[in-house]
Amino acid sequence: MAELTDPLRRSPLGSVSLDDEAFAVRAASGVSWGAIFAGAVGACALSLILLLLGTGLGMSSVSPWSGQGASATAIGISAIAWITFTQIASSGMGGYLAGRLRTKWAGVHTDEVYFRDTAHGFLAWAVATLITAALLTSTIGAILGTGAQAGATVAGGAASAATSAMTGTPGAAAGREESAGRSAYFVDALFRKDPNAAAAPADGAAAAQQATTERSGTAASVEVGRIFANGIRAGSLPPEDTRYAGQLVAQRTGLSQQDAEKRVNDTFTRAQAGLKDAEDKARAAADTARKASAYSTLWIFISLLIGAFVASLSATYGGRRRDL
């Protein structure tokens, strides 16, 4: 009796021929997802460990005392170098694991094996990057958002805070406390009395009048603060506001109208210069934050590219070791 054969493979049923094995290899997937995820998990773990170590080393090099610890420039360069090293080490290990643990491709051309190993390393790096981004979404968002927030804040945050503090209105929480102290100083200086002037004897009527004057002093200070704020917004103090503020100062201090108006103009000039200096410092700080955010984003991009290359290269090396 003729032996039954498989018409597709031309081999006896129940046996496995070389053609069957080659057909199974060709039908198998060219992507070993198990190896890819294993490499990605290893890369994430090593990256976390190195980031924690870098944070500890960075904190140990910072000192609140002047002249001690590393400078801001040295800390920035060290952070960039450490991030790059973290990407190289973690991506290299993840790519090597993905190449070493993948399925052995029998009967596949050498060039195809090289391409698949490279793709496995790149995919392991991509999965690890996505996992890291998902875990550090708030941190990455803070880095990317610092530049945009700085650009928006620099458009007048310091001026609005100073104006709000001077007028006594709510709002402008950022920097308001410092601006309030500076503005209150100028307004208080405006109503200072001459310490060398002889004090008048305090009888009953004079004491009552002095108490009334002190109660109205707060309202006068707030009103003058609003006058100064309007003058700072306009760029100069109108003459009618100068005369009115001079009258208030003359009532509180006993100065003549001319001397009171001179004090108002001098105090307004000093307040305007002080607030302009504060605004310039705020603009400089915002610009520094914007540049730091841009540099951080650029170097993170470069380090990620380096990590992708190292992962792909390490996967080809691990794949060659797997096929030995």
Protein backbone atom coordinates (compact mmCIF):
# COMPACT_ATOMS: atom_id res chain seq x y z
CA MET A 1 0.00 0.00 0.00
CA ALA A 2 1.36 3.42 -0.95
CA GLU A 3 2.47 5.58 1.99
CA LEU A 4 0.14 8.47 2.71
CA THR A 5 1.83 11.85 2.31
CA ASP A 6 1.01 15.46 2.98
CA PRO A 7 0.33 17.01 -0.45
CA LEU A 8 1.61 20.40 0.73
CA ARG A 9 4.94 19.23 2.15
CA ARG A 10 5.39 15.93 0.29
CA SER A 11 6.46 14.25 3.56
CA PRO A 12 4.96 11.39 5.53
CA LEU A 13 2.24 12.35 7.93
CA GLY A 14 3.43 12.43 11.53
CA SER A 15 6.97 13.52 10.65
CA VAL A 16 8.57 16.99 10.49
CA SER A 17 10.78 17.86 7.54
CA LEU A 18 13.18 20.75 6.96
CA ASP A 19 10.58 22.42 4.77
CA ASP A 20 8.11 22.34 7.67
CA GLU A 21 10.65 24.01 9.98
CA ALA A 22 11.49 26.67 7.43
CA PHE A 23 7.78 27.33 6.85
CA ALA A 24 7.22 27.72 10.61
CA VAL A 25 10.15 30.16 10.88
CA ARG A 26 8.82 32.22 7.98
CA ALA A 27 5.33 32.28 9.52
CA ALA A 28 6.63 33.42 12.94
CA SER A 29 6.57 37.12 13.85
CA GLY A 30 9.74 39.11 13.38
CA VAL A 31 9.13 41.04 16.64
CA SER A 32 9.82 39.50 20.05
CA TRP A 33 7.62 41.66 22.24
CA GLY A 34 8.58 39.78 25.37
CA ALA A 35 12.23 40.71 24.87
CA ILE A 36 11.28 44.30 24.05
CA PHE A 37 9.22 44.76 27.22
CA ALA A 38 11.90 43.06 29.30
CA GLY A 39 14.51 45.48 27.98
CA ALA A 40 12.19 48.46 28.52
CA VAL A 41 11.49 47.52 32.14
CA GLY A 42 15.19 47.07 32.81
CA ALA A 43 15.94 50.44 31.23
CA CYS A 44 13.26 52.17 33.32
CA ALA A 45 14.53 50.64 36.54
CA LEU A 46 18.15 51.59 35.89
CA SER A 47 17.10 55.07 34.80
CA LEU A 48 15.17 55.57 38.05
CA ILE A 49 18.12 54.43 40.15
CA LEU A 50 20.55 56.72 38.34
CA LEU A 51 18.19 59.70 38.56
CA LEU A 52 17.84 59.20 42.31
CA LEU A 53 21.61 58.97 42.64
CA GLY A 54 22.08 62.10 40.56
CA THR A 55 19.53 63.97 42.68
CA GLY A 56 21.33 62.96 45.85
CA LEU A 57 24.70 64.04 44.49
CA GLY A 58 23.24 67.32 43.28
CA MET A 59 21.64 68.10 46.64
CA SER A 60 24.90 67.38 48.42
CA SER A 61 26.73 69.90 46.23
CA VAL A 62 24.27 72.76 46.91
CA SER A 63 24.79 74.99 49.92
CA PRO A 64 22.65 77.90 51.18
CA TRP A 65 25.77 79.68 52.43
CA SER A 66 27.48 82.18 50.19
CA GLY A 67 30.80 81.02 48.75
CA GLN A 68 30.15 77.36 49.55
CA GLY A 69 28.97 74.56 47.29
CA ALA A 70 28.99 74.39 43.51
CA SER A 71 28.01 77.32 41.36
CA ALA A 72 24.81 77.41 39.31
CA THR A 73 26.78 76.93 36.09
CA ALA A 74 28.61 73.90 37.45
CA ILE A 75 25.36 72.37 38.69
CA GLY A 76 23.71 72.93 35.30
CA ILE A 77 26.58 71.33 33.37
CA SER A 78 26.71 68.42 35.81
CA ALA A 79 22.96 67.86 35.46
CA ILE A 80 23.22 67.78 31.67
CA ALA A 81 26.14 65.34 31.80
CA TRP A 82 24.34 63.10 34.29
CA ILE A 83 21.12 63.01 32.26
CA THR A 84 23.11 62.06 29.17
CA PHE A 85 24.98 59.36 31.09
CA THR A 86 21.68 58.04 32.47
CA GLN A 87 20.27 57.76 28.98
CA ILE A 88 23.38 55.99 27.66
CA ALA A 89 23.51 53.48 30.53
CA SER A 90 19.81 52.68 30.76
CA SER A 91 19.22 52.61 27.00
CA GLY A 92 22.30 50.48 26.46
CA MET A 93 21.18 47.92 29.00
CA GLY A 94 17.62 47.89 27.68
CA GLY A 95 18.76 47.44 24.09
CA TYR A 96 21.19 44.67 25.02
CA LEU A 97 18.48 42.79 26.91
CA ALA A 98 16.06 43.14 24.00
CA GLY A 99 18.65 41.76 21.56
CA ARG A 100 19.91 39.01 23.82
CA LEU A 101 16.47 37.71 24.87
CA ARG A 102 14.76 37.76 21.48
CA THR A 103 13.86 34.62 19.55
CA LYS A 104 16.56 33.10 17.37
CA TRP A 105 15.68 33.60 13.72
CA ALA A 106 16.80 30.49 11.81
CA GLY A 107 17.07 30.71 8.07
CA VAL A 108 16.91 34.55 8.01
CA HIS A 109 19.47 36.58 6.06
CA THR A 110 22.18 38.33 8.07
CA ASP A 111 21.12 41.79 6.94
CA GLU A 112 17.55 41.08 8.01
CA VAL A 113 18.74 39.88 11.41
CA TYR A 114 20.77 43.09 11.83
CA PHE A 115 17.74 45.21 10.95
CA ARG A 116 15.48 43.30 13.34
CA ASP A 117 17.96 43.64 16.19
CA THR A 118 18.22 47.37 15.55
CA ALA A 119 14.44 47.66 15.53
CA HIS A 120 14.20 45.69 18.78
CA GLY A 121 16.61 48.06 20.48
CA PHE A 122 14.75 51.10 19.20
CA LEU A 123 11.38 49.69 20.28
CA ALA A 124 12.73 48.87 23.75
CA TRP A 125 13.98 52.45 24.05
CA ALA A 126 10.62 53.81 22.81
CA VAL A 127 8.60 51.75 25.30
CA ALA A 128 10.91 52.75 28.16
CA THR A 129 10.63 56.42 27.16
CA LEU A 130 6.84 56.28 27.07
CA ILE A 131 6.70 54.59 30.47
CA THR A 132 9.05 57.18 31.94
CA ALA A 133 7.04 60.03 30.39
CA ALA A 134 3.83 58.59 31.84
CA LEU A 135 5.37 58.38 35.31
CA LEU A 136 6.98 61.84 35.14
CA THR A 137 4.23 63.75 33.36
CA SER A 138 4.06 66.51 35.98
CA THR A 139 7.83 67.02 36.00
CA ILE A 140 8.13 67.19 32.22
CA GLY A 141 5.12 69.48 32.03
CA ALA A 142 6.70 71.79 34.60
CA ILE A 143 9.93 71.97 32.60
CA LEU A 144 8.14 72.70 29.34
CA GLY A 145 5.72 75.15 30.94
CA THR A 146 8.33 77.25 32.72
CA GLY A 147 9.38 79.06 29.56
CA ALA A 148 5.82 79.88 28.50
CA GLN A 149 4.85 81.03 31.98
CA ALA A 150 7.96 83.18 32.22
CA GLY A 151 7.19 84.83 28.90
CA ALA A 152 3.64 85.61 30.01
CA THR A 153 4.68 86.81 33.45
CA VAL A 154 7.36 89.15 32.16
CA ALA A 155 4.71 91.22 30.33
CA GLY A 156 3.91 93.21 33.46
CA GLY A 157 3.63 91.00 36.50
CA ALA A 158 5.92 93.15 38.58
CA ALA A 159 4.14 96.38 37.63
CA SER A 160 0.68 94.98 38.41
CA ALA A 161 1.89 93.59 41.73
CA ALA A 162 3.37 96.93 42.68
CA THR A 163 0.22 98.81 41.66
CA SER A 164 -2.00 96.39 43.57
CA ALA A 165 0.15 96.70 46.66
CA MET A 166 0.15 100.51 46.49
CA THR A 167 -3.59 100.87 46.10
CA GLY A 168 -4.32 98.20 48.69
CA THR A 169 -6.55 96.20 46.34
CA PRO A 170 -6.52 92.36 46.42
CA GLY A 171 -4.82 90.26 43.76
CA ALA A 172 -1.36 89.93 42.27
CA ALA A 173 -0.28 87.43 44.92
CA ALA A 174 3.11 86.74 43.30
CA GLY A 175 5.55 89.32 44.59
CA ARG A 176 2.86 91.39 46.27
CA GLU A 177 4.30 91.20 49.76
CA GLU A 178 7.66 92.62 48.67
CA SER A 179 6.04 95.34 46.56
CA ALA A 180 3.66 96.22 49.39
CA GLY A 181 6.55 96.76 51.78
CA ARG A 182 8.41 98.95 49.30
CA SER A 183 5.31 101.04 48.45
CA ALA A 184 4.27 101.46 52.06
CA TYR A 185 7.74 102.72 52.86
CA PHE A 186 7.48 105.55 50.34
CA VAL A 187 3.98 106.52 51.45
CA ASP A 188 5.04 106.52 55.11
CA ALA A 189 8.08 108.61 54.27
CA LEU A 190 5.77 111.14 52.66
CA PHE A 191 3.93 111.80 55.95
CA ARG A 192 6.93 111.91 58.26
CA LYS A 193 7.04 114.83 60.63
CA ASP A 194 10.16 116.81 61.39
CA PRO A 195 11.67 115.17 64.49
CA ASN A 196 13.36 118.46 65.45
CA ALA A 197 10.08 120.35 65.62
CA ALA A 198 8.95 121.29 69.15
CA ALA A 199 5.96 119.34 70.35
CA ALA A 200 2.92 121.44 71.23
CA PRO A 201 1.45 121.00 74.71
CA ALA A 202 -1.39 118.53 74.60
CA ASP A 203 -4.56 119.89 76.19
CA GLY A 204 -7.99 118.27 75.88
CA ALA A 205 -8.98 119.88 72.57
CA ALA A 206 -5.55 119.29 71.01
CA ALA A 207 -5.58 115.65 72.04
CA ALA A 208 -9.00 115.13 70.49
CA GLN A 209 -7.88 116.83 67.29
CA GLN A 210 -4.73 114.70 67.18
CA ALA A 211 -6.78 111.52 67.58
CA THR A 212 -9.05 112.58 64.73
CA THR A 213 -6.02 113.29 62.58
CA GLU A 214 -4.51 109.89 63.31
CA ARG A 215 -7.77 108.14 62.44
CA SER A 216 -7.87 109.89 59.08
CA GLY A 217 -4.20 109.17 58.49
CA THR A 218 -4.84 105.65 57.18
CA ALA A 219 -7.39 106.86 54.67
CA ALA A 220 -5.04 109.61 53.53
CA SER A 221 -2.20 107.10 53.08
CA VAL A 222 -4.38 104.81 50.96
CA GLU A 223 -5.54 107.77 48.88
CA VAL A 224 -2.01 108.97 48.25
CA GLY A 225 -1.04 105.41 47.40
CA ARG A 226 -3.72 105.36 44.70
CA ILE A 227 -2.52 108.73 43.42
CA PHE A 228 1.04 107.40 43.17
CA ALA A 229 -0.15 104.22 41.46
CA ASN A 230 -2.03 106.23 38.84
CA GLY A 231 1.00 108.42 38.31
CA ILE A 232 3.26 105.39 37.85
CA ARG A 233 0.88 103.94 35.27
CA ALA A 234 0.74 107.30 33.44
CA GLY A 235 4.48 107.88 33.72
CA SER A 236 4.20 111.18 35.63
CA LEU A 237 2.26 112.79 38.44
CA PRO A 238 -0.35 115.32 37.25
CA PRO A 239 -0.04 118.83 38.77
CA GLU A 240 -3.48 118.70 40.36
CA ASP A 241 -2.62 115.41 42.06
CA THR A 242 0.63 116.93 43.28
CA ARG A 243 -1.23 119.89 44.82
CA TYR A 244 -3.85 117.66 46.45
CA ALA A 245 -1.26 115.24 47.85
CA GLY A 246 0.72 118.24 49.05
CA GLN A 247 -2.32 119.49 50.97
CA LEU A 248 -2.69 116.13 52.69
CA VAL A 249 1.00 116.07 53.58
CA ALA A 250 0.85 119.66 54.84
CA GLN A 251 -2.09 118.82 57.10
CA ARG A 252 -0.31 115.80 58.55
CA THR A 253 3.20 117.22 58.91
CA GLY A 254 2.75 120.96 59.33
CA LEU A 255 4.91 121.75 56.31
CA SER A 256 4.15 124.60 54.00
CA GLN A 257 2.29 123.86 50.78
CA GLN A 258 5.42 124.47 48.70
CA ASP A 259 7.59 122.21 50.86
CA ALA A 260 4.87 119.56 50.93
CA GLU A 261 4.58 119.54 47.14
CA LYS A 262 8.37 119.29 46.84
CA ARG A 263 8.32 116.30 49.18
CA VAL A 264 5.56 114.70 47.10
CA ASN A 265 7.54 115.10 43.87
CA ASP A 266 10.78 113.81 45.41
CA THR A 267 9.06 110.81 47.01
CA PHE A 268 7.21 109.98 43.80
CA THR A 269 10.47 110.08 41.84
CA ARG A 270 12.13 107.71 44.32
CA ALA A 271 9.12 105.37 44.31
CA GLN A 272 9.00 105.34 40.53
CA ALA A 273 12.72 104.53 40.32
CA GLY A 274 12.42 101.79 42.96
CA LEU A 275 9.48 100.10 41.26
CA LYS A 276 11.21 100.37 37.87
CA ASP A 277 14.24 98.64 39.36
CA ALA A 278 12.01 95.89 40.81
CA GLU A 279 10.32 95.42 37.44
CA ASP A 280 13.68 95.16 35.68
CA LYS A 281 14.81 92.51 38.15
CA ALA A 282 11.57 90.57 37.62
CA ARG A 283 12.05 90.74 33.84
CA ALA A 284 15.64 89.53 34.17
CA ALA A 285 14.56 86.64 36.40
CA ALA A 286 11.79 85.67 33.98
CA ASP A 287 14.18 85.80 31.03
CA THR A 288 16.67 83.62 32.90
CA ALA A 289 13.93 81.08 33.64
CA ARG A 290 12.87 81.11 29.98
CA LYS A 291 16.42 80.45 28.78
CA ALA A 292 16.92 77.70 31.38
CA SER A 293 13.71 76.02 30.24
CA ALA A 294 14.77 76.20 26.59
CA TYR A 295 18.23 74.80 27.32
CA SER A 296 16.79 72.01 29.48
CA THR A 297 14.34 70.97 26.77
CA LEU A 298 17.07 71.03 24.11
CA TRP A 299 19.46 68.88 26.11
CA ILE A 300 16.71 66.42 27.04
CA PHE A 301 15.98 66.08 23.32
CA ILE A 302 19.66 65.46 22.54
CA SER A 303 20.05 62.93 25.36
CA LEU A 304 16.97 61.05 24.14
CA LEU A 305 18.42 60.85 20.64
CA ILE A 306 21.67 59.53 22.06
CA GLY A 307 19.70 56.96 24.07
CA ALA A 308 17.85 55.76 20.96
CA PHE A 309 21.13 55.28 19.09
CA VAL A 310 22.81 53.46 21.99
CA ALA A 311 19.80 51.17 22.49
CA SER A 312 19.75 50.18 18.81
CA LEU A 313 23.51 49.58 18.76
CA SER A 314 23.44 47.55 21.97
CA ALA A 315 20.59 45.40 20.63
CA THR A 316 22.66 44.42 17.59
CA TYR A 317 25.51 43.39 19.88
CA GLY A 318 23.17 41.42 22.13
CA GLY A 319 21.60 39.75 19.09
CA ARG A 320 24.99 38.61 17.80
CA ARG A 321 25.77 37.13 21.22
CA ARG A 322 22.39 35.35 21.13
CA ASP A 323 23.13 33.70 17.78
CA LEU A 324 26.55 32.32 18.78
